[in-house]
Amino acid sequence: MKNRLGGRDISMGHIFDYVVPADKYFDAHPEYFPERVDANGKRQRVPTGQRCVSNPDVIKLFADYCRNYLDEYPQGLSASISENDWGGWCLAPAVALR
């Protein structure tokens, strides 16, 4: 309202850790998390950083989050799916989406 935008209810926030929390998903689904290369050149998964957004299951988790959020807050105009504010991007090869 202070910016004269009409007081729109727009969801904003870095929510990767909220939608796909490591303590819930990492052990069973390490593929949801960034694939990194260690000092020896070996690829490994780490529970920190962003999420592997080329993974169809991760995309579904975010889509489900958006649907649920907008069902719970029907007055809202959006559901944030903004990445975290730090690095740690996944280096895994992209998965072909159907």
Protein backbone atom coordinates (compact mmCIF):
# COMPACT_ATOMS: atom_id res chain seq x y z
CA MET A 1 0.00 0.00 0.00
CA LYS A 2 2.90 2.35 0.77
CA ASN A 3 4.16 1.84 -2.77
CA ARG A 4 0.69 2.59 -4.13
CA LEU A 5 0.27 -0.93 -5.47
CA GLY A 6 -3.21 -1.22 -4.05
CA GLY A 7 -2.27 -3.43 -1.13
CA ARG A 8 -2.02 -6.63 -3.18
CA ASP A 9 -1.40 -9.82 -1.21
CA ILE A 10 1.71 -11.10 -2.95
CA SER A 11 3.68 -13.91 -1.34
CA MET A 12 7.45 -13.34 -1.27
CA GLY A 13 10.22 -15.27 0.38
CA HIS A 14 13.05 -17.74 0.01
CA ILE A 15 11.32 -21.05 0.66
CA PHE A 16 13.44 -23.89 -0.75
CA ASP A 17 14.33 -25.06 2.77
CA TYR A 18 10.68 -24.85 3.81
CA VAL A 19 9.21 -26.78 0.87
CA VAL A 20 11.99 -29.41 0.65
CA PRO A 21 13.59 -29.53 4.11
CA ALA A 22 16.80 -31.56 4.35
CA ASP A 23 15.84 -33.16 7.67
CA LYS A 24 12.72 -34.63 6.03
CA TYR A 25 13.98 -35.57 2.55
CA PHE A 26 17.78 -35.85 2.37
CA ASP A 27 18.24 -39.41 3.65
CA ALA A 28 15.54 -40.91 1.43
CA HIS A 29 15.98 -38.58 -1.57
CA PRO A 30 19.50 -37.15 -1.84
CA GLU A 31 18.77 -36.54 -5.54
CA TYR A 32 16.55 -33.61 -4.49
CA PHE A 33 19.65 -31.77 -3.25
CA PRO A 34 22.65 -30.20 -4.99
CA GLU A 35 25.15 -32.47 -6.61
CA ARG A 36 28.58 -31.01 -5.96
CA VAL A 37 32.13 -31.99 -6.85
CA ASP A 38 34.55 -32.50 -3.95
CA ALA A 39 38.30 -31.72 -3.94
CA ASN A 40 39.02 -35.14 -5.49
CA GLY A 41 36.62 -34.57 -8.37
CA LYS A 42 34.05 -37.01 -6.97
CA ARG A 43 30.39 -36.04 -7.30
CA GLN A 44 28.42 -36.06 -4.07
CA ARG A 45 25.09 -34.80 -2.77
CA VAL A 46 24.95 -32.25 0.02
CA PRO A 47 21.94 -31.25 2.16
CA THR A 48 22.72 -27.52 1.96
CA GLY A 49 22.32 -25.02 -0.83
CA GLN A 50 19.56 -24.89 -3.39
CA ARG A 51 17.39 -27.79 -4.52
CA CYS A 52 17.79 -29.76 -7.74
CA VAL A 53 15.06 -28.00 -9.72
CA SER A 54 15.56 -30.21 -12.77
CA ASN A 55 14.26 -33.16 -10.75
CA PRO A 56 10.58 -33.83 -11.63
CA ASP A 57 9.79 -34.87 -8.03
CA VAL A 58 11.14 -31.57 -6.70
CA ILE A 59 9.08 -29.68 -9.28
CA LYS A 60 6.00 -31.59 -8.10
CA LEU A 61 6.74 -30.71 -4.45
CA PHE A 62 6.86 -27.02 -5.39
CA ALA A 63 3.67 -27.28 -7.49
CA ASP A 64 1.87 -29.03 -4.62
CA TYR A 65 3.11 -26.34 -2.22
CA CYS A 66 1.71 -23.60 -4.51
CA ARG A 67 -1.67 -25.33 -4.85
CA ASN A 68 -1.95 -25.86 -1.09
CA TYR A 69 -0.84 -22.31 -0.32
CA LEU A 70 -3.37 -20.76 -2.67
CA ASP A 71 -6.12 -23.05 -1.34
CA GLU A 72 -5.30 -21.95 2.21
CA TYR A 73 -4.96 -18.25 1.28
CA PRO A 74 -7.48 -17.70 -1.54
CA GLN A 75 -7.09 -13.93 -1.21
CA GLY A 76 -3.42 -14.27 -2.21
CA LEU A 77 -2.36 -13.49 -5.74
CA SER A 78 0.79 -15.59 -5.72
CA ALA A 79 2.76 -18.28 -3.95
CA SER A 80 6.48 -17.67 -3.66
CA ILE A 81 8.86 -20.31 -4.95
CA SER A 82 11.96 -18.14 -4.70
CA GLU A 83 15.32 -19.85 -4.32
CA ASN A 84 17.53 -19.34 -1.30
CA ASP A 85 19.74 -16.26 -1.06
CA TRP A 86 23.04 -18.12 -1.31
CA GLY A 87 24.90 -20.29 -3.81
CA GLY A 88 25.06 -24.05 -3.76
CA TRP A 89 23.42 -24.65 -7.13
CA CYS A 90 23.02 -28.22 -8.28
CA LEU A 91 25.53 -29.38 -10.90
CA ALA A 92 23.64 -32.56 -11.81
CA PRO A 93 22.78 -33.07 -15.48
CA ALA A 94 19.28 -31.83 -16.26
CA VAL A 95 16.55 -34.44 -16.16
CA ALA A 96 14.23 -34.52 -19.18
CA LEU A 97 10.73 -33.51 -18.12
CA ARG A 98 7.72 -35.28 -19.51
